Amino acid sequence: MLVEGELAHYELNQIPCFFGNALVDAHSSETSLKAIGLFMHKELVADSDIFPTTPFTEDFHFVYFTQSLSRIERGDLGNLPVEAWLMEEADELYLITPEVLYLQLLMHFALHHPASSVRVKYSRTLDLFRQQYPRTLDFLQQHNFKIEALAPSADWSKSLGQWPQRYDWAVKSRTDY
């Protein structure tokens, strides 16, 4: 949730604390949204010129931070399926991989999550992507969201080998209680 407003940030006994109207507004708004992703308050949309948005509710826009899907949808790399050298030479393999894996998860949970209210959130999110990227989503859905279908002769092993990402390198210490 991207909102603007008052927010206090301080430490109490070396524990970061956050409080303010912006945080309360973001939390209460988030619980009512029936989708998953990044949402921006309508008053902030004019300041956002990098990522496209679409209205989702009266007050919030859904933010598409999937720039690689945008390039595929526009046809910047040609028709689908894309020639391998175009994907490999521009490192598009590495850029599109997390975006398509995210779509795979959305589809999986839209169909299989045990809670129907959660399935609705995943399904509505997938519908948002389908509205923004109709050609690409149709293609991916026809191929069961297999990322390799985007460029069948490309070597996807290295880009797929990076997922899921791990952050063990960032952990300096851990205390279990």
Protein backbone atom coordinates (compact mmCIF):
# COMPACT_ATOMS: atom_id res chain seq x y z
CA MET A 1 0.00 0.00 0.00
CA LEU A 2 1.39 3.34 -1.01
CA VAL A 3 -0.27 6.13 0.93
CA GLU A 4 0.79 9.56 2.11
CA GLY A 5 0.29 10.90 5.60
CA GLU A 6 1.65 11.20 9.10
CA LEU A 7 4.00 8.49 10.28
CA ALA A 8 6.16 8.34 13.38
CA HIS A 9 9.26 6.16 13.38
CA TYR A 10 11.30 5.62 16.52
CA GLU A 11 13.11 2.92 18.48
CA LEU A 12 11.96 1.63 21.81
CA ASN A 13 14.52 -0.57 23.57
CA GLN A 14 16.31 -0.99 20.21
CA ILE A 15 13.11 -2.19 18.54
CA PRO A 16 11.93 -0.14 15.53
CA CYS A 17 8.41 1.23 16.07
CA PHE A 18 6.07 2.75 13.51
CA PHE A 19 2.80 4.55 14.13
CA GLY A 20 0.63 7.14 12.45
CA ASN A 21 -2.48 7.84 10.46
CA ALA A 22 -0.83 6.75 7.21
CA LEU A 23 -0.04 3.32 8.66
CA VAL A 24 -3.55 2.91 10.08
CA ASP A 25 -5.11 4.02 6.78
CA ALA A 26 -2.92 1.63 4.79
CA HIS A 27 -3.79 -1.31 7.04
CA SER A 28 -7.53 -0.67 7.08
CA SER A 29 -7.59 -0.13 3.29
CA GLU A 30 -5.51 -3.23 2.59
CA THR A 31 -7.90 -5.52 4.43
CA SER A 32 -10.80 -4.46 2.18
CA LEU A 33 -8.97 -4.93 -1.14
CA LYS A 34 -9.80 -8.22 -2.81
CA ALA A 35 -6.56 -8.63 -4.72
CA ILE A 36 -2.84 -9.12 -4.09
CA GLY A 37 -0.10 -6.74 -5.13
CA LEU A 38 1.00 -3.14 -4.89
CA PHE A 39 -1.74 -0.52 -4.57
CA MET A 40 -1.29 3.23 -4.70
CA HIS A 41 -3.67 5.84 -3.37
CA LYS A 42 -5.27 7.82 -6.21
CA GLU A 43 -3.73 11.07 -4.96
CA LEU A 44 -0.23 9.66 -5.58
CA VAL A 45 -0.79 8.35 -9.11
CA ALA A 46 0.10 11.68 -10.72
CA ASP A 47 3.57 11.44 -9.12
CA SER A 48 4.18 7.96 -10.51
CA ASP A 49 5.41 7.95 -14.09
CA ILE A 50 7.48 4.77 -14.26
CA PHE A 51 5.02 1.98 -13.59
CA PRO A 52 1.58 1.86 -15.18
CA THR A 53 -1.47 1.71 -12.93
CA THR A 54 -5.14 0.96 -13.32
CA PRO A 55 -8.01 2.02 -11.05
CA PHE A 56 -9.06 -0.81 -8.76
CA THR A 57 -11.35 0.92 -6.26
CA GLU A 58 -12.57 4.47 -5.85
CA ASP A 59 -9.42 5.31 -3.84
CA PHE A 60 -6.72 2.89 -5.03
CA HIS A 61 -4.92 1.98 -8.23
CA PHE A 62 -3.19 -1.33 -8.90
CA VAL A 63 0.48 -0.88 -9.86
CA TYR A 64 2.08 -3.01 -12.59
CA PHE A 65 5.77 -3.27 -11.77
CA THR A 66 6.24 -5.98 -14.38
CA GLN A 67 8.32 -4.14 -16.95
CA SER A 68 9.46 -7.25 -18.78
CA LEU A 69 5.88 -8.38 -19.35
CA SER A 70 5.22 -4.89 -20.74
CA ARG A 71 8.03 -5.29 -23.28
CA ILE A 72 6.73 -8.72 -24.33
CA GLU A 73 3.15 -7.43 -24.61
CA ARG A 74 4.17 -4.43 -26.74
CA GLY A 75 6.09 -6.73 -29.05
CA ASP A 76 9.44 -5.05 -28.37
CA LEU A 77 11.09 -8.45 -28.79
CA GLY A 78 8.96 -9.61 -31.71
CA ASN A 79 6.09 -12.05 -31.87
CA LEU A 80 5.48 -14.89 -29.47
CA PRO A 81 7.30 -17.16 -29.18
CA VAL A 82 10.35 -14.89 -29.12
CA GLU A 83 13.59 -15.80 -30.80
CA ALA A 84 16.11 -17.11 -28.27
CA TRP A 85 18.90 -14.69 -29.16
CA LEU A 86 16.65 -11.69 -28.43
CA MET A 87 15.86 -13.00 -24.96
CA GLU A 88 19.44 -14.03 -24.23
CA GLU A 89 21.31 -11.02 -25.61
CA ALA A 90 19.18 -8.51 -23.70
CA ASP A 91 19.21 -10.61 -20.48
CA GLU A 92 15.43 -10.68 -20.77
CA LEU A 93 15.53 -14.29 -19.54
CA TYR A 94 16.58 -13.04 -16.10
CA LEU A 95 14.09 -10.16 -16.09
CA ILE A 96 10.99 -12.08 -17.17
CA THR A 97 11.59 -15.17 -15.03
CA PRO A 98 10.35 -13.80 -11.67
CA GLU A 99 7.40 -12.12 -13.38
CA VAL A 100 6.17 -15.31 -15.04
CA LEU A 101 6.84 -17.37 -11.90
CA TYR A 102 4.63 -14.89 -10.05
CA LEU A 103 1.87 -15.41 -12.63
CA GLN A 104 2.26 -19.19 -12.19
CA LEU A 105 1.69 -18.79 -8.46
CA LEU A 106 -1.31 -16.55 -9.00
CA MET A 107 -2.88 -19.16 -11.28
CA HIS A 108 -2.07 -22.03 -8.93
CA PHE A 109 -3.61 -20.36 -5.88
CA ALA A 110 -6.57 -18.98 -7.85
CA LEU A 111 -7.44 -22.60 -8.61
CA HIS A 112 -6.22 -24.52 -5.58
CA HIS A 113 -6.11 -22.42 -2.42
CA PRO A 114 -8.30 -24.06 0.25
CA ALA A 115 -10.03 -20.80 1.24
CA SER A 116 -12.49 -19.48 -1.34
CA SER A 117 -11.98 -15.87 -0.20
CA VAL A 118 -8.25 -16.21 -0.91
CA ARG A 119 -8.90 -17.87 -4.29
CA VAL A 120 -10.95 -14.78 -5.18
CA LYS A 121 -8.02 -12.48 -4.34
CA TYR A 122 -5.64 -14.48 -6.53
CA SER A 123 -8.17 -14.72 -9.35
CA ARG A 124 -8.89 -10.98 -9.33
CA THR A 125 -5.16 -10.25 -9.37
CA LEU A 126 -4.68 -12.55 -12.35
CA ASP A 127 -7.57 -10.76 -14.08
CA LEU A 128 -5.76 -7.44 -13.58
CA PHE A 129 -2.69 -8.85 -15.33
CA ARG A 130 -4.88 -10.29 -18.06
CA GLN A 131 -6.36 -6.84 -18.70
CA GLN A 132 -2.91 -5.23 -18.93
CA TYR A 133 -1.19 -8.02 -20.88
CA PRO A 134 -3.93 -9.87 -22.81
CA ARG A 135 -1.75 -11.25 -25.60
CA THR A 136 1.00 -12.44 -23.27
CA LEU A 137 -1.37 -13.94 -20.70
CA ASP A 138 -3.32 -15.79 -23.40
CA PHE A 139 -0.06 -17.20 -24.75
CA LEU A 140 1.18 -18.23 -21.31
CA GLN A 141 -2.15 -19.76 -20.34
CA GLN A 142 -2.23 -21.78 -23.58
CA HIS A 143 1.17 -23.16 -22.52
CA ASN A 144 0.21 -23.78 -18.86
CA PHE A 145 2.42 -20.86 -17.78
CA LYS A 146 5.57 -22.74 -18.81
CA ILE A 147 8.12 -19.96 -19.05
CA GLU A 148 10.16 -21.85 -21.64
CA ALA A 149 7.30 -21.43 -24.13
CA LEU A 150 8.19 -17.73 -24.46
CA ALA A 151 11.45 -18.68 -26.23
CA PRO A 152 11.61 -22.48 -26.62
CA SER A 153 15.17 -22.64 -27.95
CA ALA A 154 16.62 -20.34 -25.27
CA ASP A 155 18.65 -21.71 -22.37
CA TRP A 156 16.49 -21.00 -19.33
CA SER A 157 18.55 -23.09 -16.90
CA LYS A 158 20.53 -20.24 -15.33
CA SER A 159 17.62 -17.84 -14.94
CA LEU A 160 15.35 -20.55 -13.51
CA GLY A 161 18.20 -21.76 -11.31
CA GLN A 162 18.08 -18.47 -9.39
CA TRP A 163 14.56 -19.16 -8.10
CA PRO A 164 13.46 -19.43 -5.44
CA GLN A 165 15.93 -16.88 -4.19
CA ARG A 166 17.62 -17.38 -0.86
CA TYR A 167 19.00 -14.74 1.43
CA ASP A 168 21.27 -16.80 3.65
CA TRP A 169 24.11 -14.42 2.83
CA ALA A 170 22.26 -11.57 4.60
CA VAL A 171 21.77 -13.35 7.94
CA LYS A 172 24.47 -12.33 10.39
CA SER A 173 22.96 -14.06 13.41
CA ARG A 174 19.76 -15.74 14.49
CA THR A 175 18.34 -16.42 17.92
CA ASP A 176 15.59 -18.98 18.37
CA TYR A 177 13.47 -18.88 21.50
